[in-house]
Amino acid sequence: MAHENMNEWEHNSLVEQETVRAVVEAFAEGKIELPPTSVRPGKAGAFRLAPLFTVRKDTKNISARAEMIYTTATLAEFLGWKDWKVEASLAALSLIEEDLATKDQFEGLSSRQALS
């Protein structure tokens, strides 16, 4: 579906963000499985907890939600995208989640422009 949307709507930041959002939400709801992540509770590294987009680094008190852990790499592997493209979408979604930006601010931007 993501590849179809990109062919129809061209590669732009909003389509990529919506694709990443849909994958993370489906993962959080147990509708899909992502590739295993190397981040485990008790080990250092940046990760996210579905359905959220903000980076987490503290692994304390997450063992109950360990099955919700995902990373840029796990999404990139699932989608067949480059890590930087997934990171651009996650960074934008994180800014929107934290009310530091709006979806409209990414209108018409390419992935690389959104990453800047």
N, C-alpha and C. Protein backbone atom coordinates (compact mmCIF):
# COMPACT_ATOMS: atom_id res chain seq x y z
N MET A 1 0.83 -1.19 0.00
CA MET A 1 0.00 0.00 0.00
C MET A 1 0.88 1.25 0.00
N ALA A 2 1.94 1.24 0.80
CA ALA A 2 2.83 2.40 0.87
C ALA A 2 3.44 2.70 -0.49
N HIS A 3 3.89 1.66 -1.16
CA HIS A 3 4.51 1.84 -2.47
C HIS A 3 3.49 2.34 -3.49
N GLU A 4 2.25 1.83 -3.42
CA GLU A 4 1.19 2.31 -4.31
C GLU A 4 0.92 3.79 -4.09
N ASN A 5 0.79 4.19 -2.84
CA ASN A 5 0.54 5.60 -2.51
C ASN A 5 1.65 6.49 -3.02
N MET A 6 2.88 6.04 -2.86
CA MET A 6 4.00 6.86 -3.31
C MET A 6 4.04 6.99 -4.82
N ASN A 7 3.66 5.93 -5.52
CA ASN A 7 3.62 6.02 -6.97
C ASN A 7 2.53 6.97 -7.43
N GLU A 8 1.39 6.93 -6.74
CA GLU A 8 0.26 7.78 -7.13
C GLU A 8 0.44 9.23 -6.69
N TRP A 9 0.95 9.43 -5.48
CA TRP A 9 1.02 10.77 -4.90
C TRP A 9 2.43 11.34 -4.89
N GLU A 10 3.37 10.65 -5.49
CA GLU A 10 4.77 11.05 -5.51
C GLU A 10 5.37 10.92 -4.12
N HIS A 11 6.66 11.04 -4.07
CA HIS A 11 7.36 10.95 -2.79
C HIS A 11 7.27 12.30 -2.11
N ASN A 12 6.56 12.36 -1.01
CA ASN A 12 6.56 13.59 -0.23
C ASN A 12 6.44 13.23 1.24
N SER A 13 6.79 14.18 2.04
CA SER A 13 6.88 13.97 3.47
C SER A 13 5.56 13.52 4.10
N LEU A 14 4.46 14.12 3.71
CA LEU A 14 3.18 13.78 4.33
C LEU A 14 2.75 12.34 4.04
N VAL A 15 2.94 11.88 2.81
CA VAL A 15 2.59 10.50 2.48
C VAL A 15 3.46 9.54 3.28
N GLU A 16 4.73 9.85 3.38
CA GLU A 16 5.64 9.00 4.15
C GLU A 16 5.30 9.00 5.63
N GLN A 17 4.95 10.17 6.17
CA GLN A 17 4.56 10.25 7.58
C GLN A 17 3.31 9.42 7.84
N GLU A 18 2.32 9.51 6.96
CA GLU A 18 1.09 8.75 7.16
C GLU A 18 1.35 7.25 7.04
N THR A 19 2.26 6.87 6.17
CA THR A 19 2.63 5.46 6.05
C THR A 19 3.27 4.96 7.33
N VAL A 20 4.23 5.72 7.86
CA VAL A 20 4.90 5.35 9.10
C VAL A 20 3.90 5.33 10.25
N ARG A 21 3.04 6.32 10.31
CA ARG A 21 2.02 6.37 11.37
C ARG A 21 1.14 5.12 11.31
N ALA A 22 0.70 4.74 10.13
CA ALA A 22 -0.17 3.58 9.98
C ALA A 22 0.54 2.29 10.42
N VAL A 23 1.81 2.15 10.09
CA VAL A 23 2.56 0.96 10.48
C VAL A 23 2.73 0.91 11.99
N VAL A 24 3.09 2.03 12.60
CA VAL A 24 3.29 2.06 14.06
C VAL A 24 1.97 1.78 14.78
N GLU A 25 0.88 2.36 14.31
CA GLU A 25 -0.42 2.12 14.95
C GLU A 25 -0.86 0.66 14.77
N ALA A 26 -0.64 0.09 13.59
CA ALA A 26 -0.99 -1.32 13.36
C ALA A 26 -0.14 -2.23 14.26
N PHE A 27 1.12 -1.89 14.43
CA PHE A 27 2.01 -2.64 15.33
C PHE A 27 1.49 -2.56 16.76
N ALA A 28 1.12 -1.35 17.19
CA ALA A 28 0.62 -1.15 18.56
C ALA A 28 -0.66 -1.94 18.81
N GLU A 29 -1.48 -2.08 17.78
CA GLU A 29 -2.75 -2.81 17.91
C GLU A 29 -2.59 -4.31 17.70
N GLY A 30 -1.36 -4.76 17.43
CA GLY A 30 -1.12 -6.18 17.24
C GLY A 30 -1.56 -6.71 15.88
N LYS A 31 -1.82 -5.81 14.95
CA LYS A 31 -2.28 -6.23 13.61
C LYS A 31 -1.13 -6.68 12.72
N ILE A 32 0.08 -6.20 13.00
CA ILE A 32 1.26 -6.61 12.24
C ILE A 32 2.41 -6.88 13.20
N GLU A 33 3.39 -7.59 12.72
CA GLU A 33 4.62 -7.81 13.49
C GLU A 33 5.76 -7.13 12.76
N LEU A 34 6.62 -6.48 13.52
CA LEU A 34 7.82 -5.87 12.95
C LEU A 34 8.99 -6.82 13.17
N PRO A 35 10.04 -6.66 12.38
CA PRO A 35 11.23 -7.49 12.61
C PRO A 35 11.72 -7.29 14.05
N PRO A 36 12.34 -8.30 14.61
CA PRO A 36 12.86 -8.17 15.98
C PRO A 36 13.85 -7.01 16.07
N THR A 37 13.82 -6.32 17.20
CA THR A 37 14.74 -5.21 17.43
C THR A 37 15.85 -5.65 18.35
N SER A 38 17.01 -5.04 18.20
CA SER A 38 18.14 -5.39 19.06
C SER A 38 18.07 -4.64 20.39
N VAL A 39 17.15 -3.68 20.52
CA VAL A 39 17.00 -2.94 21.77
C VAL A 39 16.15 -3.76 22.72
N ARG A 40 16.66 -3.99 23.88
CA ARG A 40 15.95 -4.76 24.89
C ARG A 40 15.96 -3.99 26.20
N PRO A 41 14.95 -4.19 27.03
CA PRO A 41 14.95 -3.52 28.33
C PRO A 41 16.26 -3.80 29.06
N GLY A 42 16.83 -2.74 29.62
CA GLY A 42 18.07 -2.85 30.37
C GLY A 42 19.30 -2.54 29.54
N LYS A 43 19.13 -2.37 28.22
CA LYS A 43 20.27 -2.05 27.37
C LYS A 43 20.09 -0.66 26.80
N ALA A 44 21.21 0.02 26.60
CA ALA A 44 21.17 1.39 26.09
C ALA A 44 20.84 1.40 24.60
N GLY A 45 20.36 2.53 24.14
CA GLY A 45 20.03 2.71 22.72
C GLY A 45 18.74 3.48 22.58
N ALA A 46 18.60 4.17 21.47
CA ALA A 46 17.38 4.93 21.22
C ALA A 46 16.32 3.99 20.65
N PHE A 47 15.12 4.12 21.16
CA PHE A 47 14.00 3.31 20.70
C PHE A 47 12.72 4.09 20.92
N ARG A 48 11.65 3.57 20.44
CA ARG A 48 10.34 4.18 20.63
C ARG A 48 9.38 3.10 21.13
N LEU A 49 8.32 3.53 21.79
CA LEU A 49 7.29 2.62 22.26
C LEU A 49 5.99 2.92 21.51
N ALA A 50 5.54 1.98 20.71
CA ALA A 50 4.30 2.16 19.96
C ALA A 50 3.14 2.32 20.94
N PRO A 51 2.23 3.23 20.66
CA PRO A 51 2.01 3.96 19.42
C PRO A 51 2.66 5.34 19.38
N LEU A 52 3.61 5.62 20.26
CA LEU A 52 4.23 6.94 20.32
C LEU A 52 5.39 7.06 19.34
N PHE A 53 5.78 8.31 19.06
CA PHE A 53 6.84 8.58 18.09
C PHE A 53 8.08 9.22 18.71
N THR A 54 7.99 9.64 19.95
CA THR A 54 9.10 10.30 20.62
C THR A 54 10.16 9.29 21.03
N VAL A 55 11.41 9.63 20.80
CA VAL A 55 12.53 8.74 21.14
C VAL A 55 12.62 8.56 22.64
N ARG A 56 12.88 7.33 23.05
CA ARG A 56 13.12 6.99 24.45
C ARG A 56 14.53 6.45 24.54
N LYS A 57 15.21 6.75 25.63
CA LYS A 57 16.54 6.19 25.85
C LYS A 57 16.62 5.47 27.18
N ASP A 58 15.71 5.79 28.08
CA ASP A 58 15.71 5.18 29.40
C ASP A 58 14.95 3.85 29.34
N THR A 59 15.62 2.80 29.65
CA THR A 59 14.98 1.48 29.58
C THR A 59 14.38 1.03 30.91
N LYS A 60 14.46 1.86 31.93
CA LYS A 60 13.87 1.49 33.21
C LYS A 60 12.35 1.49 33.09
N ASN A 61 11.72 0.56 33.75
CA ASN A 61 10.27 0.47 33.85
C ASN A 61 9.56 0.24 32.51
N ILE A 62 10.24 -0.35 31.54
CA ILE A 62 9.53 -0.62 30.29
C ILE A 62 9.33 -2.11 30.04
N SER A 63 9.77 -2.95 30.95
CA SER A 63 9.66 -4.38 30.68
C SER A 63 8.21 -4.80 30.41
N ALA A 64 7.26 -4.15 31.00
CA ALA A 64 5.86 -4.50 30.75
C ALA A 64 5.43 -4.14 29.33
N ARG A 65 6.15 -3.23 28.71
CA ARG A 65 5.79 -2.81 27.35
C ARG A 65 6.86 -3.19 26.33
N ALA A 66 7.72 -4.12 26.68
CA ALA A 66 8.83 -4.50 25.81
C ALA A 66 8.36 -4.93 24.42
N GLU A 67 7.18 -5.52 24.34
CA GLU A 67 6.68 -5.97 23.04
C GLU A 67 6.27 -4.81 22.14
N MET A 68 6.23 -3.60 22.65
CA MET A 68 5.85 -2.41 21.88
C MET A 68 7.07 -1.63 21.38
N ILE A 69 8.27 -2.13 21.64
CA ILE A 69 9.49 -1.42 21.25
C ILE A 69 9.69 -1.53 19.74
N TYR A 70 10.01 -0.39 19.13
CA TYR A 70 10.41 -0.39 17.73
C TYR A 70 11.49 0.65 17.53
N THR A 71 12.23 0.53 16.43
CA THR A 71 13.31 1.45 16.12
C THR A 71 13.18 1.89 14.66
N THR A 72 14.00 2.86 14.30
CA THR A 72 14.06 3.28 12.90
C THR A 72 14.39 2.08 12.03
N ALA A 73 15.35 1.27 12.47
CA ALA A 73 15.79 0.12 11.68
C ALA A 73 14.68 -0.91 11.48
N THR A 74 13.87 -1.16 12.51
CA THR A 74 12.81 -2.16 12.35
C THR A 74 11.76 -1.67 11.37
N LEU A 75 11.43 -0.38 11.42
CA LEU A 75 10.46 0.16 10.45
C LEU A 75 11.04 0.17 9.05
N ALA A 76 12.30 0.56 8.92
CA ALA A 76 12.94 0.60 7.60
C ALA A 76 12.97 -0.79 6.98
N GLU A 77 13.27 -1.78 7.77
CA GLU A 77 13.29 -3.15 7.25
C GLU A 77 11.90 -3.58 6.82
N PHE A 78 10.90 -3.30 7.64
CA PHE A 78 9.52 -3.68 7.33
C PHE A 78 9.04 -3.02 6.04
N LEU A 79 9.32 -1.72 5.90
CA LEU A 79 8.85 -0.96 4.75
C LEU A 79 9.74 -1.10 3.51
N GLY A 80 10.97 -1.56 3.71
CA GLY A 80 11.90 -1.64 2.59
C GLY A 80 12.42 -0.26 2.20
N TRP A 81 12.50 0.64 3.17
CA TRP A 81 12.97 2.01 2.95
C TRP A 81 14.36 2.17 3.53
N LYS A 82 15.02 3.25 3.14
CA LYS A 82 16.30 3.64 3.74
C LYS A 82 16.03 4.16 5.15
N ASP A 83 16.99 3.95 6.05
CA ASP A 83 16.85 4.42 7.44
C ASP A 83 16.58 5.92 7.51
N TRP A 84 17.28 6.72 6.69
CA TRP A 84 17.13 8.17 6.77
C TRP A 84 15.71 8.61 6.43
N LYS A 85 15.06 7.90 5.52
CA LYS A 85 13.68 8.27 5.14
C LYS A 85 12.71 8.00 6.29
N VAL A 86 12.90 6.86 6.95
CA VAL A 86 12.07 6.54 8.11
C VAL A 86 12.35 7.52 9.24
N GLU A 87 13.63 7.84 9.46
CA GLU A 87 14.00 8.78 10.52
C GLU A 87 13.38 10.15 10.27
N ALA A 88 13.34 10.59 9.02
CA ALA A 88 12.72 11.88 8.69
C ALA A 88 11.25 11.87 9.08
N SER A 89 10.55 10.80 8.76
CA SER A 89 9.13 10.70 9.11
C SER A 89 8.93 10.63 10.61
N LEU A 90 9.74 9.83 11.29
CA LEU A 90 9.62 9.72 12.74
C LEU A 90 9.93 11.05 13.44
N ALA A 91 10.93 11.76 12.95
CA ALA A 91 11.26 13.05 13.55
C ALA A 91 10.11 14.03 13.39
N ALA A 92 9.51 14.06 12.21
CA ALA A 92 8.37 14.95 11.97
C ALA A 92 7.18 14.54 12.85
N LEU A 93 6.89 13.25 12.91
CA LEU A 93 5.78 12.78 13.73
C LEU A 93 6.00 13.07 15.21
N SER A 94 7.25 12.99 15.64
CA SER A 94 7.58 13.32 17.03
C SER A 94 7.33 14.80 17.32
N LEU A 95 7.75 15.67 16.40
CA LEU A 95 7.50 17.10 16.56
C LEU A 95 6.01 17.40 16.62
N ILE A 96 5.24 16.74 15.78
CA ILE A 96 3.78 16.92 15.78
C ILE A 96 3.20 16.40 17.09
N GLU A 97 3.65 15.22 17.53
CA GLU A 97 3.17 14.61 18.77
C GLU A 97 3.43 15.52 19.98
N GLU A 98 4.56 16.22 19.96
CA GLU A 98 4.93 17.09 21.08
C GLU A 98 4.41 18.52 20.91
N ASP A 99 3.55 18.73 19.91
CA ASP A 99 2.98 20.06 19.62
C ASP A 99 4.05 21.11 19.33
N LEU A 100 5.16 20.70 18.73
CA LEU A 100 6.22 21.63 18.34
C LEU A 100 6.12 21.98 16.85
N ALA A 101 5.27 21.26 16.14
CA ALA A 101 5.03 21.51 14.72
C ALA A 101 3.63 21.01 14.40
N THR A 102 3.16 21.39 13.23
CA THR A 102 1.87 20.89 12.76
C THR A 102 2.06 20.14 11.46
N LYS A 103 1.11 19.30 11.15
CA LYS A 103 1.15 18.54 9.90
C LYS A 103 1.26 19.49 8.70
N ASP A 104 0.56 20.60 8.76
CA ASP A 104 0.57 21.57 7.67
C ASP A 104 1.96 22.11 7.36
N GLN A 105 2.82 22.17 8.35
CA GLN A 105 4.17 22.69 8.14
C GLN A 105 5.02 21.77 7.26
N PHE A 106 4.58 20.54 7.07
CA PHE A 106 5.32 19.60 6.23
C PHE A 106 4.72 19.47 4.83
N GLU A 107 3.63 20.19 4.60
CA GLU A 107 2.95 20.17 3.29
C GLU A 107 3.92 20.57 2.19
N GLY A 108 4.00 19.77 1.14
CA GLY A 108 4.81 20.08 -0.01
C GLY A 108 6.31 19.84 0.14
N LEU A 109 6.74 19.35 1.29
CA LEU A 109 8.16 19.10 1.50
C LEU A 109 8.54 17.68 1.07
N SER A 110 9.74 17.55 0.57
CA SER A 110 10.28 16.21 0.31
C SER A 110 10.77 15.64 1.63
N SER A 111 11.14 14.38 1.61
CA SER A 111 11.67 13.73 2.82
C SER A 111 12.91 14.45 3.32
N ARG A 112 13.80 14.77 2.41
CA ARG A 112 15.05 15.43 2.80
C ARG A 112 14.79 16.83 3.35
N GLN A 113 13.84 17.55 2.77
CA GLN A 113 13.51 18.88 3.28
C GLN A 113 12.90 18.76 4.68
N ALA A 114 12.06 17.79 4.89
CA ALA A 114 11.44 17.61 6.20
C ALA A 114 12.48 17.24 7.25
N LEU A 115 13.50 16.50 6.84
CA LEU A 115 14.55 16.10 7.77
C LEU A 115 15.38 17.29 8.23
N SER A 116 15.49 18.31 7.38
CA SER A 116 16.30 19.49 7.73
C SER A 116 15.67 20.26 8.78
